[in-house]
Amino acid sequence: MNLPASMDQLIAKGAATEMIVVAPNGRNAFLGGFYSNSPVTGNWEDYIYRDVVKFIDERYRTIAKHASRGIVGHSMGGYGAFMIAMKHPDVFGAVYALSPCCLGLEGDLSGDNQAWAQAAKMTSRDLFSRSPGSFEEFMSGAMIAISAAFTPNKTRSPLYADLPFIDKNGSLVKNEPVYFQFRAKMPLYLIEQHRDNLMKLRGIFIDVGQFDEFTHIKRTTPMLSAELSKFGIPHSFEIFAGGDHQNKVKERFTTKVVPFFTTFLEK
């Protein structure tokens, strides 16, 4: 995205206030830790809201308070940004989630997707060291990665994850109580519990592309918006025309994300 050049141009045009942009690398052996704390994939939530924030505040000319600090992410990062802001409004004052994944067990994350059965058959981490051969193979790998973050199991070698769905006589069924532990990590089902925290945020923005390839993202982003509205939590939600999961990320960052934080963060 060439963030330095994009930010310089926006600031020069007066489209953005001066700000420090921090972009942590969120990859691990599973290609992503979903910004959750897990004994298998690492304590990514703690790393972002505590370690990274402390490191930047100690070394740069920050305004070291939640009202002047925002968090943004795309896809896995959109999930992480929303979850972390929802749980730590004392650290982050505003959140922008671009096409956030994993909001709820809908669409291609539901028990109707046979990729869960394929994920259950995986016996090595080889998939994470090469490019997947198909969308279905990608989804199976992603399901293992999400499960290692949401429902880790240190005794289940070599993938160290329990899946929320298992194959029983040729049909996928809920793997209780893992299913409910997995579900408890998904924002769509946590809004009422975290309503007071969400009300403390100065701004919330959620978007999704009109043609996002991931059906769970297309379904759950408007569902999350509806849930926020149900509990009277101010926010913005937008389905942007012509967008798929990735094709307009840079455009959204420059035309939506930076102006959003310019408006909602305290200078």
C-alpha atoms as a PDB file:
ATOM      1  CA  MET A   1       0.000   0.000   0.000  1.00  0.00           C
ATOM      2  CA  ASN A   2       3.048   2.291   0.317  1.00  0.00           C
ATOM      3  CA  LEU A   3       1.710   3.828   3.509  1.00  0.00           C
ATOM      4  CA  PRO A   4       4.378   6.547   3.924  1.00  0.00           C
ATOM      5  CA  ALA A   5       3.702   8.009   0.465  1.00  0.00           C
ATOM      6  CA  SER A   6      -0.073   7.716   0.856  1.00  0.00           C
ATOM      7  CA  MET A   7      -0.020   9.442   4.235  1.00  0.00           C
ATOM      8  CA  ASP A   8       2.295  12.228   3.012  1.00  0.00           C
ATOM      9  CA  GLN A   9      -0.038  12.936   0.092  1.00  0.00           C
ATOM     10  CA  LEU A  10      -3.155  12.980   2.264  1.00  0.00           C
ATOM     11  CA  ILE A  11      -1.569  15.286   4.837  1.00  0.00           C
ATOM     12  CA  ALA A  12      -0.220  17.622   2.140  1.00  0.00           C
ATOM     13  CA  LYS A  13      -3.716  17.900   0.612  1.00  0.00           C
ATOM     14  CA  GLY A  14      -5.291  18.578   4.005  1.00  0.00           C
ATOM     15  CA  ALA A  15      -7.310  15.363   3.772  1.00  0.00           C
ATOM     16  CA  ALA A  16      -5.700  13.969   6.921  1.00  0.00           C
ATOM     17  CA  THR A  17      -4.228  15.284  10.103  1.00  0.00           C
ATOM     18  CA  GLU A  18      -0.700  14.250  11.031  1.00  0.00           C
ATOM     19  CA  MET A  19      -0.707  10.821  12.645  1.00  0.00           C
ATOM     20  CA  ILE A  20       1.570   7.905  13.369  1.00  0.00           C
ATOM     21  CA  VAL A  21       0.601   4.760  11.450  1.00  0.00           C
ATOM     22  CA  VAL A  22       1.796   1.446  12.899  1.00  0.00           C
ATOM     23  CA  ALA A  23       1.468  -1.776  10.867  1.00  0.00           C
ATOM     24  CA  PRO A  24       2.422  -4.909  12.856  1.00  0.00           C
ATOM     25  CA  ASN A  25       3.110  -8.168  11.031  1.00  0.00           C
ATOM     26  CA  GLY A  26       0.368 -10.589  12.082  1.00  0.00           C
ATOM     27  CA  ARG A  27       1.707 -13.786  10.488  1.00  0.00           C
ATOM     28  CA  ASN A  28       2.745 -16.928  12.338  1.00  0.00           C
ATOM     29  CA  ALA A  29       3.160 -20.643  11.585  1.00  0.00           C
ATOM     30  CA  PHE A  30      -0.564 -20.835  10.742  1.00  0.00           C
ATOM     31  CA  LEU A  31      -0.231 -17.692   8.565  1.00  0.00           C
ATOM     32  CA  GLY A  32      -2.227 -15.735  11.106  1.00  0.00           C
ATOM     33  CA  GLY A  33      -3.084 -15.704  14.792  1.00  0.00           C
ATOM     34  CA  PHE A  34      -6.397 -13.813  14.401  1.00  0.00           C
ATOM     35  CA  TYR A  35      -5.239 -11.329  17.033  1.00  0.00           C
ATOM     36  CA  SER A  36      -6.489 -13.613  19.800  1.00  0.00           C
ATOM     37  CA  ASN A  37      -4.666 -14.967  22.828  1.00  0.00           C
ATOM     38  CA  SER A  38      -3.890 -18.659  22.363  1.00  0.00           C
ATOM     39  CA  PRO A  39      -1.360 -21.025  23.958  1.00  0.00           C
ATOM     40  CA  VAL A  40      -0.879 -22.514  20.479  1.00  0.00           C
ATOM     41  CA  THR A  41      -0.607 -19.484  18.187  1.00  0.00           C
ATOM     42  CA  GLY A  42       0.573 -16.823  20.630  1.00  0.00           C
ATOM     43  CA  ASN A  43      -0.936 -14.003  22.679  1.00  0.00           C
ATOM     44  CA  TRP A  44      -1.692 -11.687  19.776  1.00  0.00           C
ATOM     45  CA  GLU A  45      -4.343  -9.648  21.582  1.00  0.00           C
ATOM     46  CA  ASP A  46      -1.903  -8.789  24.389  1.00  0.00           C
ATOM     47  CA  TYR A  47       0.817  -8.054  21.842  1.00  0.00           C
ATOM     48  CA  ILE A  48      -1.314  -5.471  20.009  1.00  0.00           C
ATOM     49  CA  TYR A  49      -3.160  -3.639  22.780  1.00  0.00           C
ATOM     50  CA  ARG A  50      -0.343  -3.773  25.349  1.00  0.00           C
ATOM     51  CA  ASP A  51       3.129  -4.410  23.864  1.00  0.00           C
ATOM     52  CA  VAL A  52       2.882  -2.518  20.566  1.00  0.00           C
ATOM     53  CA  VAL A  53       1.118   0.441  22.161  1.00  0.00           C
ATOM     54  CA  LYS A  54       3.705   0.652  24.948  1.00  0.00           C
ATOM     55  CA  PHE A  55       6.589   0.370  22.467  1.00  0.00           C
ATOM     56  CA  ILE A  56       5.271   3.175  20.242  1.00  0.00           C
ATOM     57  CA  ASP A  57       4.336   5.479  23.125  1.00  0.00           C
ATOM     58  CA  GLU A  58       7.815   5.142  24.624  1.00  0.00           C
ATOM     59  CA  ARG A  59       9.636   5.915  21.371  1.00  0.00           C
ATOM     60  CA  TYR A  60       7.533   8.374  19.394  1.00  0.00           C
ATOM     61  CA  ARG A  61       5.742  11.688  19.799  1.00  0.00           C
ATOM     62  CA  THR A  62       2.315  10.201  20.476  1.00  0.00           C
ATOM     63  CA  ILE A  63      -0.745  11.595  22.213  1.00  0.00           C
ATOM     64  CA  ALA A  64      -0.763   8.724  24.661  1.00  0.00           C
ATOM     65  CA  LYS A  65      -4.462   8.328  25.442  1.00  0.00           C
ATOM     66  CA  HIS A  66      -7.304   6.234  24.087  1.00  0.00           C
ATOM     67  CA  ALA A  67      -9.185   9.187  22.599  1.00  0.00           C
ATOM     68  CA  SER A  68      -6.227   9.806  20.259  1.00  0.00           C
ATOM     69  CA  ARG A  69      -5.515   6.211  19.332  1.00  0.00           C
ATOM     70  CA  GLY A  70      -7.418   4.156  16.734  1.00  0.00           C
ATOM     71  CA  ILE A  71      -7.210   0.620  15.423  1.00  0.00           C
ATOM     72  CA  VAL A  72      -7.937  -0.630  11.903  1.00  0.00           C
ATOM     73  CA  GLY A  73      -7.611  -3.935  10.084  1.00  0.00           C
ATOM     74  CA  HIS A  74      -8.679  -5.827   6.977  1.00  0.00           C
ATOM     75  CA  SER A  75     -10.167  -9.346   6.913  1.00  0.00           C
ATOM     76  CA  MET A  76      -8.446 -11.201   9.791  1.00  0.00           C
ATOM     77  CA  GLY A  77      -7.183  -7.793  10.889  1.00  0.00           C
ATOM     78  CA  GLY A  78     -10.706  -6.382  10.700  1.00  0.00           C
ATOM     79  CA  TYR A  79     -11.856  -9.103  13.080  1.00  0.00           C
ATOM     80  CA  GLY A  80      -8.933  -8.383  15.392  1.00  0.00           C
ATOM     81  CA  ALA A  81      -9.432  -4.617  15.281  1.00  0.00           C
ATOM     82  CA  PHE A  82     -13.094  -4.891  16.227  1.00  0.00           C
ATOM     83  CA  MET A  83     -12.512  -7.441  18.987  1.00  0.00           C
ATOM     84  CA  ILE A  84      -9.625  -5.541  20.536  1.00  0.00           C
ATOM     85  CA  ALA A  85     -11.421  -2.198  20.422  1.00  0.00           C
ATOM     86  CA  MET A  86     -14.535  -3.799  21.918  1.00  0.00           C
ATOM     87  CA  LYS A  87     -12.539  -5.308  24.776  1.00  0.00           C
ATOM     88  CA  HIS A  88     -10.115  -2.417  25.355  1.00  0.00           C
ATOM     89  CA  PRO A  89     -11.848   0.948  24.885  1.00  0.00           C
ATOM     90  CA  ASP A  90      -9.430   2.319  27.484  1.00  0.00           C
ATOM     91  CA  VAL A  91      -6.638   1.807  24.900  1.00  0.00           C
ATOM     92  CA  PHE A  92      -8.320   2.518  21.545  1.00  0.00           C
ATOM     93  CA  GLY A  93     -10.898   5.229  20.980  1.00  0.00           C
ATOM     94  CA  ALA A  94     -12.106   4.336  17.486  1.00  0.00           C
ATOM     95  CA  VAL A  95     -12.152   1.309  15.198  1.00  0.00           C
ATOM     96  CA  TYR A  96     -12.468   0.720  11.461  1.00  0.00           C
ATOM     97  CA  ALA A  97     -13.017  -2.888  10.312  1.00  0.00           C
ATOM     98  CA  LEU A  98     -12.488  -3.436   6.583  1.00  0.00           C
ATOM     99  CA  SER A  99     -14.282  -6.566   5.330  1.00  0.00           C
ATOM    100  CA  PRO A 100     -13.816  -8.246   8.728  1.00  0.00           C
ATOM    101  CA  CYS A 101     -13.814 -12.029   8.752  1.00  0.00           C
ATOM    102  CA  CYS A 102     -14.984 -14.427  11.424  1.00  0.00           C
ATOM    103  CA  LEU A 103     -17.800 -12.320  12.861  1.00  0.00           C
ATOM    104  CA  GLY A 104     -20.146 -15.299  13.107  1.00  0.00           C
ATOM    105  CA  LEU A 105     -20.719 -18.922  12.101  1.00  0.00           C
ATOM    106  CA  GLU A 106     -22.553 -18.162   8.878  1.00  0.00           C
ATOM    107  CA  GLY A 107     -22.034 -18.818   5.168  1.00  0.00           C
ATOM    108  CA  ASP A 108     -18.761 -20.557   4.377  1.00  0.00           C
ATOM    109  CA  LEU A 109     -17.899 -20.806   8.084  1.00  0.00           C
ATOM    110  CA  SER A 110     -21.092 -22.665   8.923  1.00  0.00           C
ATOM    111  CA  GLY A 111     -21.506 -26.385   9.428  1.00  0.00           C
ATOM    112  CA  ASP A 112     -22.774 -26.657   5.859  1.00  0.00           C
ATOM    113  CA  ASN A 113     -19.257 -26.242   4.475  1.00  0.00           C
ATOM    114  CA  GLN A 114     -17.566 -29.585   3.848  1.00  0.00           C
ATOM    115  CA  ALA A 115     -14.212 -27.821   4.182  1.00  0.00           C
ATOM    116  CA  TRP A 116     -14.603 -28.510   7.916  1.00  0.00           C
ATOM    117  CA  ALA A 117     -14.526 -32.235   7.151  1.00  0.00           C
ATOM    118  CA  GLN A 118     -11.406 -31.754   5.040  1.00  0.00           C
ATOM    119  CA  ALA A 119      -9.813 -29.719   7.828  1.00  0.00           C
ATOM    120  CA  ALA A 120     -10.440 -32.591  10.243  1.00  0.00           C
ATOM    121  CA  LYS A 121      -8.440 -34.904   7.952  1.00  0.00           C
ATOM    122  CA  MET A 122      -5.348 -32.704   7.893  1.00  0.00           C
ATOM    123  CA  THR A 123      -2.393 -34.424   9.547  1.00  0.00           C
ATOM    124  CA  SER A 124       0.409 -31.916   8.981  1.00  0.00           C
ATOM    125  CA  ARG A 125       1.138 -28.218   8.603  1.00  0.00           C
ATOM    126  CA  ASP A 126       2.361 -28.622   5.021  1.00  0.00           C
ATOM    127  CA  LEU A 127      -0.551 -26.564   3.711  1.00  0.00           C
ATOM    128  CA  PHE A 128       0.766 -23.507   5.517  1.00  0.00           C
ATOM    129  CA  SER A 129       4.121 -23.632   3.724  1.00  0.00           C
ATOM    130  CA  ARG A 130       2.747 -23.457   0.183  1.00  0.00           C
ATOM    131  CA  SER A 131       0.037 -21.744  -1.807  1.00  0.00           C
ATOM    132  CA  PRO A 132      -3.318 -23.551  -1.604  1.00  0.00           C
ATOM    133  CA  GLY A 133      -4.393 -25.290  -4.805  1.00  0.00           C
ATOM    134  CA  SER A 134      -8.042 -24.210  -4.581  1.00  0.00           C
ATOM    135  CA  PHE A 135     -10.423 -21.990  -2.635  1.00  0.00           C
ATOM    136  CA  GLU A 136     -11.650 -25.084  -0.779  1.00  0.00           C
ATOM    137  CA  GLU A 137      -8.094 -25.962   0.248  1.00  0.00           C
ATOM    138  CA  PHE A 138      -7.558 -22.384   1.406  1.00  0.00           C
ATOM    139  CA  MET A 139     -10.737 -22.575   3.497  1.00  0.00           C
ATOM    140  CA  SER A 140      -9.647 -25.855   5.126  1.00  0.00           C
ATOM    141  CA  GLY A 141      -6.336 -24.300   6.115  1.00  0.00           C
ATOM    142  CA  ALA A 142      -8.063 -21.162   7.350  1.00  0.00           C
ATOM    143  CA  MET A 143     -10.404 -23.249   9.498  1.00  0.00           C
ATOM    144  CA  ILE A 144      -7.448 -24.932  11.168  1.00  0.00           C
ATOM    145  CA  ALA A 145      -5.782 -21.550  11.761  1.00  0.00           C
ATOM    146  CA  ILE A 146      -8.937 -20.029  13.229  1.00  0.00           C
ATOM    147  CA  SER A 147      -9.468 -23.056  15.456  1.00  0.00           C
ATOM    148  CA  ALA A 148      -5.868 -22.943  16.692  1.00  0.00           C
ATOM    149  CA  ALA A 149      -6.587 -19.354  17.766  1.00  0.00           C
ATOM    150  CA  PHE A 150     -10.160 -19.771  19.060  1.00  0.00           C
ATOM    151  CA  THR A 151     -10.213 -23.331  20.412  1.00  0.00           C
ATOM    152  CA  PRO A 152      -6.581 -24.427  20.852  1.00  0.00           C
ATOM    153  CA  ASN A 153      -5.693 -27.850  22.178  1.00  0.00           C
ATOM    154  CA  LYS A 154      -2.055 -28.293  23.167  1.00  0.00           C
ATOM    155  CA  THR A 155      -2.464 -32.071  23.349  1.00  0.00           C
ATOM    156  CA  ARG A 156      -3.794 -32.577  19.801  1.00  0.00           C
ATOM    157  CA  SER A 157      -0.605 -32.875  17.733  1.00  0.00           C
ATOM    158  CA  PRO A 158       0.349 -31.756  15.112  1.00  0.00           C
ATOM    159  CA  LEU A 159      -2.272 -29.033  14.531  1.00  0.00           C
ATOM    160  CA  TYR A 160      -3.152 -28.362  18.187  1.00  0.00           C
ATOM    161  CA  ALA A 161      -6.728 -27.304  17.509  1.00  0.00           C
ATOM    162  CA  ASP A 162     -10.240 -28.571  18.183  1.00  0.00           C
ATOM    163  CA  LEU A 163     -12.785 -27.925  15.429  1.00  0.00           C
ATOM    164  CA  PRO A 164     -16.336 -26.683  16.105  1.00  0.00           C
ATOM    165  CA  PHE A 165     -17.762 -29.200  13.610  1.00  0.00           C
ATOM    166  CA  ILE A 166     -16.912 -32.871  13.190  1.00  0.00           C
ATOM    167  CA  ASP A 167     -17.899 -35.551  10.685  1.00  0.00           C
ATOM    168  CA  LYS A 168     -20.305 -38.090  12.140  1.00  0.00           C
ATOM    169  CA  ASN A 169     -21.479 -40.842   9.810  1.00  0.00           C
ATOM    170  CA  GLY A 170     -20.924 -38.613   6.800  1.00  0.00           C
ATOM    171  CA  SER A 171     -22.621 -35.519   8.234  1.00  0.00           C
ATOM    172  CA  LEU A 172     -21.126 -32.482   9.928  1.00  0.00           C
ATOM    173  CA  VAL A 173     -22.434 -31.964  13.463  1.00  0.00           C
ATOM    174  CA  LYS A 174     -21.600 -29.571  16.274  1.00  0.00           C
ATOM    175  CA  ASN A 175     -18.614 -30.656  18.325  1.00  0.00           C
ATOM    176  CA  GLU A 176     -19.853 -29.702  21.780  1.00  0.00           C
ATOM    177  CA  PRO A 177     -18.600 -27.975  23.926  1.00  0.00           C
ATOM    178  CA  VAL A 178     -15.949 -26.823  21.411  1.00  0.00           C
ATOM    179  CA  TYR A 179     -18.647 -25.292  19.197  1.00  0.00           C
ATOM    180  CA  PHE A 180     -19.761 -22.947  21.974  1.00  0.00           C
ATOM    181  CA  GLN A 181     -16.184 -22.052  22.938  1.00  0.00           C
ATOM    182  CA  PHE A 182     -15.473 -21.207  19.289  1.00  0.00           C
ATOM    183  CA  ARG A 183     -18.684 -19.195  18.961  1.00  0.00           C
ATOM    184  CA  ALA A 184     -17.789 -17.215  22.083  1.00  0.00           C
ATOM    185  CA  LYS A 185     -14.839 -15.679  20.193  1.00  0.00           C
ATOM    186  CA  MET A 186     -17.065 -14.164  17.488  1.00  0.00           C
ATOM    187  CA  PRO A 187     -18.235 -10.527  17.736  1.00  0.00           C
ATOM    188  CA  LEU A 188     -21.741 -11.132  16.410  1.00  0.00           C
ATOM    189  CA  TYR A 189     -22.651 -12.952  19.633  1.00  0.00           C
ATOM    190  CA  LEU A 190     -20.872 -10.585  22.041  1.00  0.00           C
ATOM    191  CA  ILE A 191     -22.462  -7.185  21.425  1.00  0.00           C
ATOM    192  CA  GLU A 192     -24.871  -7.226  24.356  1.00  0.00           C
ATOM    193  CA  GLN A 193     -22.132  -8.422  26.713  1.00  0.00           C
ATOM    194  CA  HIS A 194     -19.795  -5.617  25.602  1.00  0.00           C
ATOM    195  CA  ARG A 195     -22.373  -2.885  25.009  1.00  0.00           C
ATOM    196  CA  ASP A 196     -20.959  -0.551  27.665  1.00  0.00           C
ATOM    197  CA  ASN A 197     -17.455  -0.849  26.203  1.00  0.00           C
ATOM    198  CA  LEU A 198     -18.692  -0.225  22.664  1.00  0.00           C
ATOM    199  CA  MET A 199     -20.586   2.863  23.808  1.00  0.00           C
ATOM    200  CA  LYS A 200     -17.274   4.307  25.050  1.00  0.00           C
ATOM    201  CA  LEU A 201     -15.779   4.301  21.535  1.00  0.00           C
ATOM    202  CA  ARG A 202     -15.739   7.626  19.709  1.00  0.00           C
ATOM    203  CA  GLY A 203     -16.351   5.973  16.340  1.00  0.00           C
ATOM    204  CA  ILE A 204     -17.070   2.574  14.778  1.00  0.00           C
ATOM    205  CA  PHE A 205     -16.997   1.904  11.022  1.00  0.00           C
ATOM    206  CA  ILE A 206     -17.570  -1.463   9.324  1.00  0.00           C
ATOM    207  CA  ASP A 207     -17.475  -2.028   5.575  1.00  0.00           C
ATOM    208  CA  VAL A 208     -17.679  -4.859   3.066  1.00  0.00           C
ATOM    209  CA  GLY A 209     -17.308  -5.132  -0.689  1.00  0.00           C
ATOM    210  CA  GLN A 210     -20.367  -5.714  -2.812  1.00  0.00           C
ATOM    211  CA  PHE A 211     -18.785  -8.835  -4.315  1.00  0.00           C
ATOM    212  CA  ASP A 212     -16.779 -10.196  -1.377  1.00  0.00           C
ATOM    213  CA  GLU A 213     -15.907 -13.805  -2.165  1.00  0.00           C
ATOM    214  CA  PHE A 214     -16.337 -14.985   1.433  1.00  0.00           C
ATOM    215  CA  THR A 215     -20.014 -15.594   2.040  1.00  0.00           C
ATOM    216  CA  HIS A 216     -19.681 -15.417   5.811  1.00  0.00           C
ATOM    217  CA  ILE A 217     -18.290 -11.876   5.497  1.00  0.00           C
ATOM    218  CA  LYS A 218     -21.089 -10.741   3.171  1.00  0.00           C
ATOM    219  CA  ARG A 219     -23.694 -12.128   5.580  1.00  0.00           C
ATOM    220  CA  THR A 220     -22.265 -11.216   8.953  1.00  0.00           C
ATOM    221  CA  THR A 221     -21.183  -7.612   8.354  1.00  0.00           C
ATOM    222  CA  PRO A 222     -24.785  -6.399   7.921  1.00  0.00           C
ATOM    223  CA  MET A 223     -25.836  -8.715  10.749  1.00  0.00           C
ATOM    224  CA  LEU A 224     -23.244  -7.103  13.024  1.00  0.00           C
ATOM    225  CA  SER A 225     -24.486  -3.649  12.023  1.00  0.00           C
ATOM    226  CA  ALA A 226     -28.046  -4.712  12.864  1.00  0.00           C
ATOM    227  CA  GLU A 227     -26.905  -6.048  16.232  1.00  0.00           C
ATOM    228  CA  LEU A 228     -25.128  -2.784  17.030  1.00  0.00           C
ATOM    229  CA  SER A 229     -28.262  -0.860  16.104  1.00  0.00           C
ATOM    230  CA  LYS A 230     -30.385  -3.187  18.243  1.00  0.00           C
ATOM    231  CA  PHE A 231     -28.424  -2.118  21.318  1.00  0.00           C
ATOM    232  CA  GLY A 232     -28.296   1.560  20.353  1.00  0.00           C
ATOM    233  CA  ILE A 233     -24.571   1.637  19.585  1.00  0.00           C
ATOM    234  CA  PRO A 234     -23.665   4.427  17.116  1.00  0.00           C
ATOM    235  CA  HIS A 235     -21.696   3.224  14.106  1.00  0.00           C
ATOM    236  CA  SER A 236     -21.400   3.410  10.339  1.00  0.00           C
ATOM    237  CA  PHE A 237     -21.776   0.508   7.927  1.00  0.00           C
ATOM    238  CA  GLU A 238     -21.162   0.556   4.189  1.00  0.00           C
ATOM    239  CA  ILE A 239     -21.373  -1.922   1.338  1.00  0.00           C
ATOM    240  CA  PHE A 240     -19.065  -0.405  -1.256  1.00  0.00           C
ATOM    241  CA  ALA A 241     -19.883  -0.811  -4.918  1.00  0.00           C
ATOM    242  CA  GLY A 242     -17.660  -2.954  -7.105  1.00  0.00           C
ATOM    243  CA  GLY A 243     -15.579  -4.228  -4.215  1.00  0.00           C
ATOM    244  CA  ASP A 244     -14.467  -7.799  -3.704  1.00  0.00           C
ATOM    245  CA  HIS A 245     -12.405  -8.948  -0.736  1.00  0.00           C
ATOM    246  CA  GLN A 246      -9.184  -7.170  -1.711  1.00  0.00           C
ATOM    247  CA  ASN A 247      -9.455  -5.042  -4.824  1.00  0.00           C
ATOM    248  CA  LYS A 248     -10.186  -1.707  -3.139  1.00  0.00           C
ATOM    249  CA  VAL A 249      -8.246  -1.910   0.122  1.00  0.00           C
ATOM    250  CA  LYS A 250      -5.798   0.894  -0.749  1.00  0.00           C
ATOM    251  CA  GLU A 251      -8.608   3.071  -2.085  1.00  0.00           C
ATOM    252  CA  ARG A 252     -10.663   2.522   1.079  1.00  0.00           C
ATOM    253  CA  PHE A 253      -7.682   3.299   3.268  1.00  0.00           C
ATOM    254  CA  THR A 254      -7.039   6.642   1.610  1.00  0.00           C
ATOM    255  CA  THR A 255     -10.629   7.757   1.025  1.00  0.00           C
ATOM    256  CA  LYS A 256     -12.373   6.300   4.094  1.00  0.00           C
ATOM    257  CA  VAL A 257     -10.072   5.009   6.831  1.00  0.00           C
ATOM    258  CA  VAL A 258      -7.719   7.977   7.230  1.00  0.00           C
ATOM    259  CA  PRO A 259     -10.512  10.596   7.020  1.00  0.00           C
ATOM    260  CA  PHE A 260     -12.490   8.552   9.582  1.00  0.00           C
ATOM    261  CA  PHE A 261      -9.662   8.691  12.119  1.00  0.00           C
ATOM    262  CA  THR A 262      -8.985  12.332  11.277  1.00  0.00           C
ATOM    263  CA  THR A 263     -12.594  13.047  12.280  1.00  0.00           C
ATOM    264  CA  PHE A 264     -13.026  10.795  15.301  1.00  0.00           C
ATOM    265  CA  LEU A 265      -9.659  10.873  17.063  1.00  0.00           C
ATOM    266  CA  GLU A 266      -8.827  13.672  19.447  1.00  0.00           C
ATOM    267  CA  LYS A 267      -5.910  15.784  18.219  1.00  0.00           C
END
